[in-house]
């Protein structure tokens, strides 16, 4: 054997430095696949945080998402810039923790799901402020951290949750994700639900309230869509091509589902179709009229996002000067206005604590279903998530959760924390540059008028009302993946099937993962207590009672 061959053999056996730490190659992945999956998780994570930013921002600005006007949003542009920056920095730190400590392909972001649950359950109004909600989240996060930091306590709590309920968590989360994502694309309407609709759906239907339950689902309202008509602005054709892009992403995923990065390809192809269609529309309009009467708001806006006096890096001075750590200690624990309006602080904290714990545990368990993790690895994941949830309220931010984008990354081959580190780097870059909206934003608010001159504040207005319809379509696919994978469990055993069905049904109709878990734990108790071959532990009984209390408190609040 020649010396070259011997050296070649030695080189082949030598593990890479990255693999020594992350073991991604040992788990059947490659460095390239981890990078691709990390980029995908970053893009989808940023898109999700934008919707969260819009939801919280409208409450913070006006106290009512329905009443907030375009002018109010534009006037509070600096707030959005700060919220965006802090969201990305928290995602950077949280995802880095997951990658380096848990060493799993998971990313953490400020959670749209938890934000919606906490707002819709506890509400803002009758004297209850945004800072009050953060105070409830902070106390709940501290309890969550203590539970997850003590191995015996963590094991006892997780063991108390019936296996059937834990297996139903991915289905419940997947159903909620599909429902929300399809509303965001505008392709499907679910009547009144407690989820604000942005993007295409925002101009076609507007929610009457935020505490409504889901009603009959309705496919895309073509009659209402046609009423918009071809007006002097650009919004109608933008809707068209956004929908084409969404459909293209569905088709691309189905055709490429056996490739290495089907989800990333679906996102890129859908976005490309959107851009090609939009530019084709511009050329067609010009060829007919001989002039560019067609408004290019959505295209000009992308350029100004990264190069104008509204660009993110020029807001950093304001952000750092106005950063108030621990504001919730000054205002959040002052419930005078709430009690004067007849509110019960003890009941508020009890409801918030149970809601937060149920939602956080259910969400994390749903993300860990396919990981084949031992107790130590699962404990590290829960602890990393709990720690970030303590930090978030201190910075004035909503709770953090393991992002559903993690499921998309795993579907595209991510097997280790290397993908999380790549995503974290993407979040860090995104904190300083509006890179993701520049590339993946589709429609913007119907009311926005963008001018080349005197446009200060307009880019932030564009940013706060931007939507990501193609990314929403991809997230709907991710939800379907979660449902499909979880359905492989046995549904023939009544004692197991009933709690699973109760978990999914309650989560869907009440639009709350926390209520879904509570209903599942109660259903497990009721279906087993009268069965001779019952499978009940002391922990299951306690969990069932807690589930009943959670549902009752939610109804009373």
Protein backbone atom coordinates (compact mmCIF):
# COMPACT_ATOMS: atom_id res chain seq x y z
CA UNK A 1 0.00 0.00 0.00
CA UNK A 2 1.42 3.39 -1.02
CA UNK A 3 2.11 6.21 1.43
CA UNK A 4 -0.59 8.33 -0.24
CA UNK A 5 -3.19 5.64 0.39
CA UNK A 6 -2.13 5.31 4.01
CA UNK A 7 -2.41 9.06 4.51
CA UNK A 8 -5.77 9.01 2.78
CA UNK A 9 -7.04 6.33 5.16
CA UNK A 10 -5.84 8.24 8.17
CA UNK A 11 -7.52 11.41 6.86
CA UNK A 12 -10.80 9.57 6.32
CA UNK A 13 -10.81 8.26 9.88
CA UNK A 14 -9.97 11.60 11.44
CA UNK A 15 -13.17 13.14 12.86
CA UNK A 16 -13.75 16.83 12.22
CA UNK A 17 -13.55 19.32 15.07
CA UNK A 18 -17.23 20.17 14.64
CA UNK A 19 -18.23 16.51 14.71
CA UNK A 20 -16.26 15.96 17.91
CA UNK A 21 -18.52 18.47 19.66
CA UNK A 22 -21.86 18.23 17.83
CA UNK A 23 -21.68 14.61 16.55
CA UNK A 24 -23.80 15.60 13.55
CA UNK A 25 -21.94 13.25 11.21
CA UNK A 26 -22.27 10.41 13.72
CA UNK A 27 -26.03 11.00 13.65
CA UNK A 28 -26.23 10.68 9.87
CA UNK A 29 -26.07 14.34 8.86
CA UNK A 30 -23.43 16.45 7.11
CA UNK A 31 -22.03 19.90 7.78
CA UNK A 32 -23.70 21.26 4.64
CA UNK A 33 -27.06 19.82 5.64
CA UNK A 34 -26.80 21.34 9.11
CA UNK A 35 -25.99 24.75 7.61
CA UNK A 36 -28.92 24.57 5.18
CA UNK A 37 -31.33 23.54 7.94
CA UNK A 38 -29.98 26.29 10.20
CA UNK A 39 -30.61 28.94 7.53
CA UNK A 40 -34.16 27.63 7.09
CA UNK A 41 -34.85 27.74 10.84
CA UNK A 42 -33.52 31.29 10.99
CA UNK A 43 -35.74 32.54 8.15
CA UNK A 44 -38.91 30.92 9.48
CA UNK A 45 -38.06 32.00 13.02
CA UNK A 46 -37.69 35.65 11.99
CA UNK A 47 -40.98 35.55 10.07
CA UNK A 48 -42.74 34.19 13.15
CA UNK A 49 -41.20 36.86 15.36
CA UNK A 50 -42.48 39.56 13.01
CA UNK A 51 -46.06 38.41 13.51
CA UNK A 52 -45.45 38.31 17.27
CA UNK A 53 -44.00 41.82 17.08
CA UNK A 54 -47.08 43.06 15.25
CA UNK A 55 -49.49 41.46 17.72
CA UNK A 56 -47.74 42.74 20.85
CA UNK A 57 -46.91 46.08 19.27
CA UNK A 58 -50.51 46.90 18.50
CA UNK A 59 -51.54 46.08 22.07
CA UNK A 60 -48.65 48.06 23.48
CA UNK A 61 -49.34 51.08 21.30
CA UNK A 62 -53.10 51.35 21.56
CA UNK A 63 -54.37 48.86 24.11
CA UNK A 64 -56.54 47.27 21.43
CA UNK A 65 -55.36 45.50 18.30
CA UNK A 66 -58.59 46.35 16.52
CA UNK A 67 -58.40 50.09 17.28
CA UNK A 68 -54.76 50.61 16.26
CA UNK A 69 -54.45 52.77 13.15
CA UNK A 70 -51.67 53.03 10.60
CA UNK A 71 -50.79 56.49 11.96
CA UNK A 72 -50.49 55.12 15.51
CA UNK A 73 -48.17 52.38 14.30
CA UNK A 74 -45.99 54.78 12.32
CA UNK A 75 -45.78 57.20 15.26
CA UNK A 76 -44.43 54.39 17.43
CA UNK A 77 -41.87 53.18 14.91
CA UNK A 78 -38.99 53.35 17.38
CA UNK A 79 -40.83 50.93 19.64
CA UNK A 80 -41.05 48.40 16.82
CA UNK A 81 -37.37 48.81 16.03
CA UNK A 82 -36.54 48.12 19.68
CA UNK A 83 -38.92 45.17 19.89
CA UNK A 84 -37.42 43.73 16.72
CA UNK A 85 -33.85 44.16 17.94
CA UNK A 86 -34.50 42.58 21.33
CA UNK A 87 -36.46 39.72 19.73
CA UNK A 88 -33.49 38.86 17.54
CA UNK A 89 -30.97 39.13 20.36
CA UNK A 90 -33.04 36.85 22.59
CA UNK A 91 -33.39 34.40 19.70
CA UNK A 92 -29.62 34.56 19.20
CA UNK A 93 -28.82 33.79 22.83
CA UNK A 94 -31.61 31.21 23.24
CA UNK A 95 -30.72 29.31 20.07
CA UNK A 96 -27.03 29.43 20.94
CA UNK A 97 -27.88 27.85 24.30
CA UNK A 98 -29.80 25.08 22.55
CA UNK A 99 -26.95 24.48 20.16
CA UNK A 100 -24.05 24.56 22.62
CA UNK A 101 -25.67 23.23 25.80
CA UNK A 102 -28.45 20.91 24.64
CA UNK A 103 -26.62 20.23 21.33
CA UNK A 104 -29.91 19.65 19.55
CA UNK A 105 -31.37 21.20 16.35
CA UNK A 106 -33.74 23.51 18.21
CA UNK A 107 -34.13 27.29 18.11
CA UNK A 108 -35.76 29.54 20.67
CA UNK A 109 -37.70 32.67 19.74
CA UNK A 110 -40.22 34.98 21.33
CA UNK A 111 -43.38 32.94 21.07
CA UNK A 112 -46.42 33.98 19.07
CA UNK A 113 -48.34 31.05 20.55
CA UNK A 114 -47.55 31.87 24.17
CA UNK A 115 -48.13 35.57 23.58
CA UNK A 116 -51.55 34.91 22.10
CA UNK A 117 -52.49 32.47 24.86
CA UNK A 118 -51.47 34.83 27.65
CA UNK A 119 -53.21 37.83 26.07
CA UNK A 120 -56.41 36.03 25.12
CA UNK A 121 -56.61 34.21 28.48
CA UNK A 122 -55.71 37.09 30.80
CA UNK A 123 -56.53 39.96 28.45
CA UNK A 124 -55.42 43.56 28.38
CA UNK A 125 -58.00 45.98 29.64
CA UNK A 126 -60.03 46.63 32.78
CA UNK A 127 -56.89 48.09 34.30
CA UNK A 128 -54.54 45.27 33.27
CA UNK A 129 -51.50 46.55 31.36
CA UNK A 130 -48.86 44.94 29.19
CA UNK A 131 -46.35 45.27 32.03
CA UNK A 132 -48.79 43.46 34.33
CA UNK A 133 -48.85 40.56 31.88
CA UNK A 134 -45.05 40.51 31.85
CA UNK A 135 -45.07 40.33 35.66
CA UNK A 136 -47.33 37.26 35.50
CA UNK A 137 -45.02 35.73 32.87
CA UNK A 138 -41.95 36.47 35.01
CA UNK A 139 -43.34 34.76 38.11
CA UNK A 140 -44.54 31.82 36.02
CA UNK A 141 -41.11 31.57 34.35
CA UNK A 142 -39.37 31.54 37.73
CA UNK A 143 -41.55 28.64 38.89
CA UNK A 144 -40.97 26.87 35.57
CA UNK A 145 -37.18 27.27 36.01
CA UNK A 146 -37.22 25.84 39.53
CA UNK A 147 -39.21 22.82 38.33
CA UNK A 148 -36.86 22.14 35.43
CA UNK A 149 -33.66 22.80 37.41
CA UNK A 150 -34.35 20.07 39.98
CA UNK A 151 -34.18 16.65 38.26
CA UNK A 152 -36.48 14.84 40.68
CA UNK A 153 -39.13 17.57 40.50
CA UNK A 154 -38.85 17.77 36.70
CA UNK A 155 -39.23 14.02 36.34
CA UNK A 156 -42.23 13.97 38.68
CA UNK A 157 -43.99 16.77 36.82
CA UNK A 158 -43.37 15.34 33.35
CA UNK A 159 -44.33 11.83 34.49
CA UNK A 160 -47.61 13.17 35.87
CA UNK A 161 -48.64 14.20 32.35
CA UNK A 162 -50.21 11.11 30.74
CA UNK A 163 -48.32 9.63 27.81
CA UNK A 164 -51.41 9.93 25.62
CA UNK A 165 -51.56 13.69 26.24
CA UNK A 166 -47.86 14.10 25.52
CA UNK A 167 -48.30 12.20 22.26
CA UNK A 168 -51.24 14.40 21.32
CA UNK A 169 -49.26 17.61 21.89
CA UNK A 170 -47.64 17.62 18.41
CA UNK A 171 -51.06 17.06 16.79
CA UNK A 172 -52.65 19.87 18.79
CA UNK A 173 -49.76 22.23 18.07
CA UNK A 174 -49.78 21.19 14.40
CA UNK A 175 -53.51 21.84 14.09
CA UNK A 176 -53.14 25.29 15.66
CA UNK A 177 -50.20 26.05 13.40
CA UNK A 178 -52.10 25.04 10.25
CA UNK A 179 -55.11 27.08 11.35
CA UNK A 180 -53.08 30.21 12.04
CA UNK A 181 -50.79 29.87 9.02
CA UNK A 182 -53.65 29.32 6.58
CA UNK A 183 -55.45 32.36 7.96
CA UNK A 184 -52.29 34.38 7.49
CA UNK A 185 -52.08 33.36 3.83
CA UNK A 186 -55.69 34.40 3.31
CA UNK A 187 -56.53 31.06 1.69
CA UNK A 188 -58.73 29.92 4.58
CA UNK A 189 -60.89 31.77 7.08
CA UNK A 190 -62.10 30.27 10.36
CA UNK A 191 -64.69 32.87 11.17
CA UNK A 192 -64.02 34.64 14.46
CA UNK A 193 -61.03 33.27 16.33
CA UNK A 194 -58.78 34.76 18.96
CA UNK A 195 -55.95 35.17 16.52
CA UNK A 196 -55.34 38.45 14.71
CA UNK A 197 -55.10 37.96 10.95
CA UNK A 198 -52.30 39.74 9.13
CA UNK A 199 -51.21 39.67 5.52
CA UNK A 200 -53.67 38.86 2.79
CA UNK A 201 -56.33 37.80 5.23
CA UNK A 202 -56.18 41.20 6.89
CA UNK A 203 -57.74 43.00 3.93
CA UNK A 204 -60.29 40.30 3.19
CA UNK A 205 -61.70 39.82 6.67
CA UNK A 206 -61.15 41.53 10.00
CA UNK A 207 -61.67 39.94 13.37
CA UNK A 208 -64.47 41.31 15.54
CA UNK A 209 -62.68 40.46 18.74
CA UNK A 210 -59.77 38.58 20.26
CA UNK A 211 -61.64 36.38 22.71
CA UNK A 212 -63.84 34.55 20.22
CA UNK A 213 -63.84 30.80 19.67
CA UNK A 214 -63.25 29.21 16.30
CA UNK A 215 -66.30 29.00 14.06
CA UNK A 216 -66.98 27.18 10.80
CA UNK A 217 -63.93 27.21 8.51
CA UNK A 218 -64.49 28.87 5.14
CA UNK A 219 -62.29 28.52 2.08
CA UNK A 220 -60.92 31.62 0.40
CA UNK A 221 -63.64 34.25 -0.05
CA UNK A 222 -63.36 34.92 -3.78
CA UNK A 223 -66.35 37.31 -3.80
CA UNK A 224 -64.75 39.55 -1.17
CA UNK A 225 -61.42 39.23 -2.95
CA UNK A 226 -62.87 40.43 -6.25
CA UNK A 227 -64.43 43.45 -4.55
CA UNK A 228 -60.95 44.87 -4.03
CA UNK A 229 -60.54 45.15 -7.82
CA UNK A 230 -57.65 46.63 -9.75
CA UNK A 231 -57.24 49.99 -8.06
CA UNK A 232 -54.56 52.61 -8.59
CA UNK A 233 -52.35 51.02 -5.95
CA UNK A 234 -50.36 47.83 -6.05
CA UNK A 235 -52.13 45.77 -3.43
CA UNK A 236 -54.46 43.68 -5.56
CA UNK A 237 -51.78 42.16 -7.84
CA UNK A 238 -49.54 41.68 -4.80
CA UNK A 239 -52.27 39.55 -3.24
CA UNK A 240 -52.51 37.53 -6.45
CA UNK A 241 -48.85 36.76 -6.67
CA UNK A 242 -48.56 36.08 -2.96
CA UNK A 243 -51.23 33.40 -3.32
CA UNK A 244 -49.49 31.97 -6.39
CA UNK A 245 -46.26 31.86 -4.39
CA UNK A 246 -48.02 30.07 -1.53
CA UNK A 247 -49.49 27.46 -3.88
CA UNK A 248 -46.09 27.08 -5.58
CA UNK A 249 -44.46 26.35 -2.23
CA UNK A 250 -47.00 23.58 -1.55
CA UNK A 251 -46.34 22.06 -4.98
CA UNK A 252 -42.56 22.36 -4.63
CA UNK A 253 -42.61 20.55 -1.30
CA UNK A 254 -44.68 17.67 -2.68
CA UNK A 255 -42.43 17.31 -5.72
CA UNK A 256 -39.17 17.63 -3.79
CA UNK A 257 -40.14 15.94 -0.52
CA UNK A 258 -37.55 13.19 -1.01
CA UNK A 259 -34.66 15.60 -1.53
CA UNK A 260 -32.28 16.73 1.20
CA UNK A 261 -33.87 20.16 1.80
CA UNK A 262 -37.53 19.99 0.70
CA UNK A 263 -38.78 22.66 3.12
CA UNK A 264 -36.04 25.16 2.22
CA UNK A 265 -36.65 24.53 -1.49
CA UNK A 266 -40.38 25.09 -1.01
CA UNK A 267 -39.70 28.44 0.68
CA UNK A 268 -37.22 29.60 -1.97
CA UNK A 269 -39.30 28.47 -4.95
CA UNK A 270 -42.49 30.02 -3.59
CA UNK A 271 -40.66 33.31 -2.97
CA UNK A 272 -39.14 33.21 -6.46
CA UNK A 273 -42.57 32.69 -8.04
CA UNK A 274 -43.86 35.69 -6.08
CA UNK A 275 -41.06 37.94 -7.31
CA UNK A 276 -41.27 36.76 -10.91
CA UNK A 277 -45.03 37.32 -10.94
CA UNK A 278 -44.72 40.75 -9.36
CA UNK A 279 -42.06 41.90 -11.82
CA UNK A 280 -44.06 40.45 -14.71
CA UNK A 281 -47.03 42.50 -13.56
CA UNK A 282 -44.88 45.65 -13.55
CA UNK A 283 -43.65 44.99 -17.12
CA UNK A 284 -47.17 44.17 -18.32
CA UNK A 285 -48.55 47.36 -16.81
CA UNK A 286 -45.78 49.42 -18.39
CA UNK A 287 -46.26 47.84 -21.83
CA UNK A 288 -49.96 48.74 -21.75
CA UNK A 289 -49.73 52.29 -20.46
CA UNK A 290 -46.25 53.34 -21.53
CA UNK A 291 -45.42 54.54 -18.04
CA UNK A 292 -44.85 53.11 -14.59
CA UNK A 293 -48.21 54.02 -13.11
CA UNK A 294 -48.05 50.78 -11.18
CA UNK A 295 -47.01 51.56 -7.60
CA UNK A 296 -43.81 49.84 -6.52
CA UNK A 297 -44.27 50.29 -2.78
CA UNK A 298 -43.41 46.75 -1.83
CA UNK A 299 -40.25 46.78 -3.98
CA UNK A 300 -39.04 50.28 -3.07
CA UNK A 301 -39.72 49.51 0.55
CA UNK A 302 -37.28 46.61 0.48
CA UNK A 303 -34.48 48.90 -0.66
CA UNK A 304 -35.22 51.52 1.97
CA UNK A 305 -35.33 48.84 4.67
CA UNK A 306 -31.57 48.40 4.35
CA UNK A 307 -30.39 51.78 3.08
CA UNK A 308 -32.53 54.66 4.27
CA UNK A 309 -32.62 56.79 7.41
CA UNK A 310 -35.16 54.25 8.67
CA UNK A 311 -32.68 51.34 8.45
CA UNK A 312 -32.27 49.33 11.62
CA UNK A 313 -28.68 50.25 12.42
CA UNK A 314 -29.68 53.92 12.71
CA UNK A 315 -32.18 53.06 15.45
CA UNK A 316 -29.57 51.36 17.64
CA UNK A 317 -28.68 54.56 19.48
CA UNK A 318 -32.30 55.10 20.48
CA UNK A 319 -32.69 51.42 21.41
CA UNK A 320 -29.66 51.35 23.69
CA UNK A 321 -30.46 54.70 25.31
CA UNK A 322 -34.04 53.68 26.07
CA UNK A 323 -33.34 50.11 27.11
CA UNK A 324 -34.93 49.73 30.53
CA UNK A 325 -34.06 46.42 32.15
CA UNK A 326 -36.48 45.38 34.84
CA UNK A 327 -39.23 47.86 33.98
CA UNK A 328 -41.73 45.24 35.08
CA UNK A 329 -40.53 45.64 38.68
CA UNK A 330 -41.45 49.33 38.52
CA UNK A 331 -44.81 49.01 36.83
CA UNK A 332 -45.61 45.34 36.34
CA UNK A 333 -46.44 44.52 39.96
CA UNK A 334 -48.67 47.54 40.42
CA UNK A 335 -52.19 46.11 40.01
CA UNK A 336 -54.04 49.07 41.54
CA UNK A 337 -55.98 49.86 38.37
CA UNK A 338 -56.82 46.18 37.92
CA UNK A 339 -58.15 45.71 41.45
CA UNK A 340 -60.11 48.97 41.27
CA UNK A 341 -61.79 47.60 38.15
CA UNK A 342 -62.86 44.54 40.15
CA UNK A 343 -60.00 42.21 39.22
CA UNK A 344 -58.69 39.50 41.53
CA UNK A 345 -54.87 39.47 41.51
CA UNK A 346 -54.58 36.04 43.17
CA UNK A 347 -56.87 34.48 40.56
CA UNK A 348 -54.96 36.29 37.82
CA UNK A 349 -51.61 34.84 38.91
CA UNK A 350 -53.07 31.36 39.44
CA UNK A 351 -54.57 31.38 35.95
CA UNK A 352 -51.43 32.81 34.41
CA UNK A 353 -49.18 30.31 36.17
CA UNK A 354 -51.21 27.25 35.15
CA UNK A 355 -51.66 28.56 31.60
CA UNK A 356 -47.97 29.31 31.22
CA UNK A 357 -46.80 25.97 32.63
CA UNK A 358 -49.25 23.93 30.56
CA UNK A 359 -48.46 25.82 27.35
CA UNK A 360 -44.68 25.79 27.86
CA UNK A 361 -44.45 22.11 28.77
CA UNK A 362 -46.84 21.07 25.99
CA UNK A 363 -44.96 23.12 23.41
CA UNK A 364 -41.55 21.78 24.46
CA UNK A 365 -42.79 18.19 24.60
CA UNK A 366 -44.27 18.56 21.11
CA UNK A 367 -40.89 19.66 19.80
CA UNK A 368 -39.09 16.74 21.45
CA UNK A 369 -41.34 13.91 20.26
CA UNK A 370 -39.03 12.71 17.49
CA UNK A 371 -35.79 13.26 19.29
CA UNK A 372 -35.42 9.91 21.09
CA UNK A 373 -33.90 11.80 24.00
CA UNK A 374 -32.83 10.54 27.37
CA UNK A 375 -34.01 12.31 30.50
CA UNK A 376 -30.82 14.37 30.83
CA UNK A 377 -31.00 15.76 27.29
CA UNK A 378 -34.69 16.57 27.67
CA UNK A 379 -33.95 18.26 30.97
CA UNK A 380 -31.32 20.49 29.37
CA UNK A 381 -33.81 21.54 26.70
CA UNK A 382 -36.50 22.42 29.24
CA UNK A 383 -33.99 24.27 31.44
CA UNK A 384 -32.61 26.34 28.54
CA UNK A 385 -36.16 27.30 27.63
CA UNK A 386 -37.04 28.15 31.24
CA UNK A 387 -33.98 30.38 31.70
CA UNK A 388 -34.79 32.36 28.55
CA UNK A 389 -38.32 32.85 29.82
CA UNK A 390 -36.97 34.47 32.97
CA UNK A 391 -34.77 36.83 30.94
CA UNK A 392 -37.42 37.85 28.37
CA UNK A 393 -39.82 39.73 30.71
CA UNK A 394 -36.88 41.57 32.28
CA UNK A 395 -36.23 43.11 28.86
CA UNK A 396 -39.90 43.87 28.30
CA UNK A 397 -40.33 40.96 25.91
CA UNK A 398 -42.97 38.25 25.65
CA UNK A 399 -42.28 34.60 26.62
CA UNK A 400 -39.84 32.52 24.61
CA UNK A 401 -40.48 29.03 23.29
CA UNK A 402 -38.83 26.39 21.16
CA UNK A 403 -39.79 27.58 17.70
CA UNK A 404 -41.82 25.34 15.41
CA UNK A 405 -39.21 26.23 12.80
CA UNK A 406 -37.18 23.52 14.56
CA UNK A 407 -39.50 20.91 13.05
CA UNK A 408 -38.77 22.27 9.57
CA UNK A 409 -35.04 22.11 10.27
CA UNK A 410 -35.26 18.52 11.42
CA UNK A 411 -37.31 17.64 8.32
CA UNK A 412 -34.49 19.07 6.23
CA UNK A 413 -31.90 16.84 7.89
CA UNK A 414 -30.71 18.75 10.96
CA UNK A 415 -29.52 16.33 13.63
CA UNK A 416 -27.39 18.38 16.01
CA UNK A 417 -26.83 21.70 17.70
CA UNK A 418 -24.68 22.85 14.78
CA UNK A 419 -27.88 23.82 12.92
CA UNK A 420 -28.98 25.82 15.97
CA UNK A 421 -25.67 27.69 16.05
CA UNK A 422 -26.03 28.55 12.34
CA UNK A 423 -29.56 29.83 12.99
CA UNK A 424 -28.30 31.81 15.99
CA UNK A 425 -25.72 33.56 13.79
CA UNK A 426 -28.54 34.40 11.38
CA UNK A 427 -30.57 35.91 14.22
CA UNK A 428 -27.55 38.01 15.25
CA UNK A 429 -27.15 39.37 11.72
CA UNK A 430 -30.91 39.99 11.54
CA UNK A 431 -30.76 42.09 14.71
CA UNK A 432 -28.81 44.76 12.82
CA UNK A 433 -30.15 44.38 9.28
CA UNK A 434 -33.72 43.79 8.10
CA UNK A 435 -32.40 41.01 5.92
CA UNK A 436 -35.27 38.51 6.13
CA UNK A 437 -38.08 41.03 5.41
CA UNK A 438 -35.95 42.42 2.59
CA UNK A 439 -35.91 38.98 0.94
CA UNK A 440 -39.08 37.23 2.09
CA UNK A 441 -41.69 39.91 2.84
CA UNK A 442 -44.69 39.63 0.50
CA UNK A 443 -47.65 41.94 1.08
CA UNK A 444 -47.87 45.05 3.20
CA UNK A 445 -50.74 46.99 4.69
CA UNK A 446 -53.40 48.10 2.23
CA UNK A 447 -53.33 51.57 3.78
CA UNK A 448 -49.62 52.27 3.37
CA UNK A 449 -48.53 54.99 0.94
CA UNK A 450 -44.79 54.96 0.34
CA UNK A 451 -43.03 58.02 -1.09
CA UNK A 452 -39.50 58.36 -2.36
CA UNK A 453 -39.12 61.71 -0.58
CA UNK A 454 -40.10 62.69 2.92
CA UNK A 455 -40.54 59.04 3.83
CA UNK A 456 -39.19 59.01 7.35
CA UNK A 457 -41.36 56.69 9.43
CA UNK A 458 -42.93 55.07 6.38
CA UNK A 459 -40.45 52.21 6.21
CA UNK A 460 -41.13 51.34 9.82
CA UNK A 461 -44.81 51.55 9.01
CA UNK A 462 -44.19 49.19 6.10
CA UNK A 463 -42.23 46.91 8.41
CA UNK A 464 -44.86 46.74 11.13
CA UNK A 465 -47.59 45.77 8.67
CA UNK A 466 -45.52 43.45 6.49
CA UNK A 467 -46.49 39.84 6.02
CA UNK A 468 -44.78 36.66 4.87
CA UNK A 469 -47.43 34.73 3.00
CA UNK A 470 -45.10 32.24 1.32
CA UNK A 471 -43.39 31.56 4.66
CA UNK A 472 -46.83 31.14 6.23
CA UNK A 473 -47.65 28.51 3.61
CA UNK A 474 -44.43 26.69 4.48
CA UNK A 475 -45.32 26.83 8.18
CA UNK A 476 -48.68 25.28 7.33
CA UNK A 477 -46.72 22.44 5.74
CA UNK A 478 -44.68 22.12 8.93
CA UNK A 479 -47.90 21.82 10.93
CA UNK A 480 -49.12 19.07 8.62
CA UNK A 481 -45.79 17.26 9.09
CA UNK A 482 -46.24 17.33 12.86
CA UNK A 483 -49.78 15.97 12.58
CA UNK A 484 -48.75 13.21 10.15
CA UNK A 485 -45.85 12.00 12.29
CA UNK A 486 -47.90 11.98 15.49
CA UNK A 487 -50.82 10.05 13.97
CA UNK A 488 -48.69 6.89 13.84
CA UNK A 489 -49.51 6.23 17.50
CA UNK A 490 -52.19 3.73 18.48
CA UNK A 491 -55.69 5.25 18.56
CA UNK A 492 -57.64 2.04 19.10
CA UNK A 493 -57.34 1.99 22.90
CA UNK A 494 -60.16 4.14 24.31
CA UNK A 495 -58.24 5.03 27.45
CA UNK A 496 -55.50 6.46 25.23
CA UNK A 497 -57.59 7.82 22.36
CA UNK A 498 -60.04 9.81 24.49
CA UNK A 499 -57.39 12.01 26.15
CA UNK A 500 -55.66 12.50 22.80
CA UNK A 501 -58.90 13.60 21.15
CA UNK A 502 -59.77 15.84 24.09
CA UNK A 503 -56.32 17.50 23.89
CA UNK A 504 -56.60 18.21 20.16
CA UNK A 505 -60.28 19.28 20.23
CA UNK A 506 -59.85 21.66 23.17
CA UNK A 507 -56.68 23.16 21.71
CA UNK A 508 -58.45 23.80 18.40
CA UNK A 509 -61.82 25.09 19.57
CA UNK A 510 -60.37 27.21 22.37
CA UNK A 511 -57.32 28.15 20.28
CA UNK A 512 -55.05 27.38 23.22
CA UNK A 513 -52.45 24.66 23.65
CA UNK A 514 -52.62 25.18 27.41
CA UNK A 515 -56.36 24.43 27.47
CA UNK A 516 -55.73 21.45 25.21
CA UNK A 517 -53.28 19.93 27.66
CA UNK A 518 -55.57 20.70 30.61
CA UNK A 519 -58.52 19.01 28.87
CA UNK A 520 -56.38 16.00 27.99
CA UNK A 521 -55.19 15.51 31.57
CA UNK A 522 -58.77 15.78 32.84
CA UNK A 523 -60.00 13.34 30.17
CA UNK A 524 -57.31 10.83 31.14
CA UNK A 525 -58.46 10.99 34.76
CA UNK A 526 -62.14 10.57 33.88
CA UNK A 527 -61.67 7.72 31.37
CA UNK A 528 -59.47 5.74 33.73
CA UNK A 529 -61.11 6.31 37.08
CA UNK A 530 -64.14 4.18 36.19
CA UNK A 531 -62.14 1.52 34.33
CA UNK A 532 -61.22 -1.72 36.12
CA UNK A 533 -57.92 -1.80 34.26
CA UNK A 534 -57.26 1.82 34.93
CA UNK A 535 -53.82 3.25 34.33
CA UNK A 536 -53.65 5.94 36.98
CA UNK A 537 -50.83 7.18 39.14
CA UNK A 538 -50.93 9.70 41.94
CA UNK A 539 -49.28 12.13 39.55
CA UNK A 540 -51.98 11.53 36.90
CA UNK A 541 -54.70 12.26 39.46
CA UNK A 542 -53.02 15.49 40.53
CA UNK A 543 -52.54 16.46 36.87
CA UNK A 544 -56.22 15.79 36.16
CA UNK A 545 -57.30 18.01 39.06
CA UNK A 546 -54.91 20.74 37.91
CA UNK A 547 -56.32 20.42 34.39
CA UNK A 548 -59.85 20.93 35.70
CA UNK A 549 -58.70 23.95 37.72
CA UNK A 550 -56.98 25.40 34.66
CA UNK A 551 -60.15 25.15 32.57
CA UNK A 552 -62.33 26.64 35.30
CA UNK A 553 -59.97 29.56 35.94
CA UNK A 554 -59.69 30.25 32.21
CA UNK A 555 -63.47 30.37 31.95
CA UNK A 556 -63.75 32.73 34.93
CA UNK A 557 -61.01 35.15 33.84
